[in-house]
């Protein structure tokens, strides 16, 4: 069975997001990141969900920035809706 930490690491690697940045973006203290990475404590379910949401949000922002850059380099007008088009949000079942 995969741990929460391994799941979060795999998702961050798959989407090319720095795990430390995702923890900070989720509003978690840096001490939580270091304790989790060093194996001092186990990651909680709520923490894993927060970090996964932060990874997805950072990925969406990165993709939006790439699309905007592509549109600008081709000389087209940049519209936020067209830049974010095709990026679907991840939803968690509660």
C-alpha atoms as a PDB file:
ATOM      1  CA  UNK A   1       0.000   0.000   0.000  1.00  0.00           C
ATOM      2  CA  UNK A   2       1.309   3.440  -0.933  1.00  0.00           C
ATOM      3  CA  UNK A   3       1.836   5.999   1.794  1.00  0.00           C
ATOM      4  CA  UNK A   4       0.432   9.500   1.537  1.00  0.00           C
ATOM      5  CA  UNK A   5       3.951  10.843   1.152  1.00  0.00           C
ATOM      6  CA  UNK A   6       4.714   8.553  -1.785  1.00  0.00           C
ATOM      7  CA  UNK A   7       1.435   9.491  -3.438  1.00  0.00           C
ATOM      8  CA  UNK A   8       2.166  13.198  -3.027  1.00  0.00           C
ATOM      9  CA  UNK A   9       5.751  12.773  -4.272  1.00  0.00           C
ATOM     10  CA  UNK A  10       4.614  10.844  -7.349  1.00  0.00           C
ATOM     11  CA  UNK A  11       1.986  13.438  -8.201  1.00  0.00           C
ATOM     12  CA  UNK A  12       4.461  16.308  -7.774  1.00  0.00           C
ATOM     13  CA  UNK A  13       7.028  14.562  -9.964  1.00  0.00           C
ATOM     14  CA  UNK A  14       4.427  13.714 -12.607  1.00  0.00           C
ATOM     15  CA  UNK A  15       3.297  17.340 -12.838  1.00  0.00           C
ATOM     16  CA  UNK A  16       6.754  18.881 -12.442  1.00  0.00           C
ATOM     17  CA  UNK A  17       5.961  20.811  -9.278  1.00  0.00           C
ATOM     18  CA  UNK A  18       8.436  21.293  -6.437  1.00  0.00           C
ATOM     19  CA  UNK A  19       7.128  19.560  -3.333  1.00  0.00           C
ATOM     20  CA  UNK A  20       8.445  22.212  -0.933  1.00  0.00           C
ATOM     21  CA  UNK A  21       6.676  24.903  -2.961  1.00  0.00           C
ATOM     22  CA  UNK A  22       3.450  22.888  -2.880  1.00  0.00           C
ATOM     23  CA  UNK A  23       3.612  22.650   0.925  1.00  0.00           C
ATOM     24  CA  UNK A  24       4.146  26.401   1.181  1.00  0.00           C
ATOM     25  CA  UNK A  25       1.358  27.113  -1.335  1.00  0.00           C
ATOM     26  CA  UNK A  26      -0.996  24.913   0.704  1.00  0.00           C
ATOM     27  CA  UNK A  27      -0.341  27.175   3.687  1.00  0.00           C
ATOM     28  CA  UNK A  28       1.424  24.508   5.712  1.00  0.00           C
ATOM     29  CA  UNK A  29       4.404  25.300   7.920  1.00  0.00           C
ATOM     30  CA  UNK A  30       7.818  24.387   6.561  1.00  0.00           C
ATOM     31  CA  UNK A  31       8.375  22.307   9.698  1.00  0.00           C
ATOM     32  CA  UNK A  32       5.578  19.989   8.550  1.00  0.00           C
ATOM     33  CA  UNK A  33       7.393  19.501   5.252  1.00  0.00           C
ATOM     34  CA  UNK A  34      10.717  18.711   6.916  1.00  0.00           C
ATOM     35  CA  UNK A  35       9.197  16.394   9.533  1.00  0.00           C
ATOM     36  CA  UNK A  36       7.328  14.501   6.836  1.00  0.00           C
ATOM     37  CA  UNK A  37      10.282  14.216   4.442  1.00  0.00           C
ATOM     38  CA  UNK A  38      12.683  13.127   7.202  1.00  0.00           C
ATOM     39  CA  UNK A  39      10.249  10.488   8.442  1.00  0.00           C
ATOM     40  CA  UNK A  40       9.797  12.036  11.874  1.00  0.00           C
ATOM     41  CA  UNK A  41       6.006  12.016  11.498  1.00  0.00           C
ATOM     42  CA  UNK A  42       3.481  10.398   9.196  1.00  0.00           C
ATOM     43  CA  UNK A  43       1.578  12.603   6.794  1.00  0.00           C
ATOM     44  CA  UNK A  44      -2.090  12.980   7.653  1.00  0.00           C
ATOM     45  CA  UNK A  45      -4.883  12.531   5.147  1.00  0.00           C
ATOM     46  CA  UNK A  46      -5.941  16.195   5.400  1.00  0.00           C
ATOM     47  CA  UNK A  47      -2.359  17.343   4.832  1.00  0.00           C
ATOM     48  CA  UNK A  48      -2.014  15.085   1.792  1.00  0.00           C
ATOM     49  CA  UNK A  49      -5.264  16.447   0.340  1.00  0.00           C
ATOM     50  CA  UNK A  50      -4.108  20.037   0.886  1.00  0.00           C
ATOM     51  CA  UNK A  51      -0.764  19.368  -0.772  1.00  0.00           C
ATOM     52  CA  UNK A  52      -2.380  17.535  -3.712  1.00  0.00           C
ATOM     53  CA  UNK A  53      -4.719  20.479  -4.253  1.00  0.00           C
ATOM     54  CA  UNK A  54      -1.746  22.853  -4.124  1.00  0.00           C
ATOM     55  CA  UNK A  55       0.147  20.702  -6.653  1.00  0.00           C
ATOM     56  CA  UNK A  56      -2.809  20.793  -9.017  1.00  0.00           C
ATOM     57  CA  UNK A  57      -3.247  24.541  -8.625  1.00  0.00           C
ATOM     58  CA  UNK A  58       0.449  25.193  -9.232  1.00  0.00           C
ATOM     59  CA  UNK A  59       0.346  22.926 -12.281  1.00  0.00           C
ATOM     60  CA  UNK A  60      -2.653  24.830 -13.651  1.00  0.00           C
ATOM     61  CA  UNK A  61      -0.845  28.128 -13.141  1.00  0.00           C
ATOM     62  CA  UNK A  62       2.281  26.824 -14.852  1.00  0.00           C
ATOM     63  CA  UNK A  63       0.269  25.527 -17.809  1.00  0.00           C
ATOM     64  CA  UNK A  64      -1.622  28.803 -18.056  1.00  0.00           C
ATOM     65  CA  UNK A  65       1.663  30.721 -18.114  1.00  0.00           C
ATOM     66  CA  UNK A  66       2.984  28.445 -20.875  1.00  0.00           C
ATOM     67  CA  UNK A  67      -0.157  28.936 -22.961  1.00  0.00           C
ATOM     68  CA  UNK A  68      -0.020  32.695 -22.469  1.00  0.00           C
ATOM     69  CA  UNK A  69       3.616  32.752 -23.536  1.00  0.00           C
ATOM     70  CA  UNK A  70       2.793  30.716 -26.645  1.00  0.00           C
ATOM     71  CA  UNK A  71      -0.038  33.062 -27.565  1.00  0.00           C
ATOM     72  CA  UNK A  72       2.117  36.148 -27.065  1.00  0.00           C
ATOM     73  CA  UNK A  73       5.009  34.712 -29.080  1.00  0.00           C
ATOM     74  CA  UNK A  74       2.663  34.005 -31.987  1.00  0.00           C
ATOM     75  CA  UNK A  75       1.412  37.594 -31.931  1.00  0.00           C
ATOM     76  CA  UNK A  76      -2.130  36.807 -30.800  1.00  0.00           C
ATOM     77  CA  UNK A  77      -4.101  38.699 -28.193  1.00  0.00           C
ATOM     78  CA  UNK A  78      -3.970  37.036 -24.810  1.00  0.00           C
ATOM     79  CA  UNK A  79      -7.253  36.223 -23.148  1.00  0.00           C
ATOM     80  CA  UNK A  80      -7.311  34.521 -19.735  1.00  0.00           C
ATOM     81  CA  UNK A  81     -10.098  32.212 -20.773  1.00  0.00           C
ATOM     82  CA  UNK A  82      -8.252  30.963 -23.828  1.00  0.00           C
ATOM     83  CA  UNK A  83      -5.052  30.555 -21.813  1.00  0.00           C
ATOM     84  CA  UNK A  84      -6.766  28.406 -19.181  1.00  0.00           C
ATOM     85  CA  UNK A  85      -8.917  26.537 -21.678  1.00  0.00           C
ATOM     86  CA  UNK A  86      -8.384  22.812 -21.531  1.00  0.00           C
ATOM     87  CA  UNK A  87      -7.120  22.801 -17.956  1.00  0.00           C
ATOM     88  CA  UNK A  88      -9.651  20.899 -15.905  1.00  0.00           C
ATOM     89  CA  UNK A  89      -9.804  21.177 -12.116  1.00  0.00           C
ATOM     90  CA  UNK A  90      -9.414  18.098  -9.971  1.00  0.00           C
ATOM     91  CA  UNK A  91     -12.290  17.447  -7.612  1.00  0.00           C
ATOM     92  CA  UNK A  92     -12.173  15.422  -4.421  1.00  0.00           C
ATOM     93  CA  UNK A  93     -15.122  13.424  -3.210  1.00  0.00           C
ATOM     94  CA  UNK A  94     -15.958  14.169   0.395  1.00  0.00           C
END
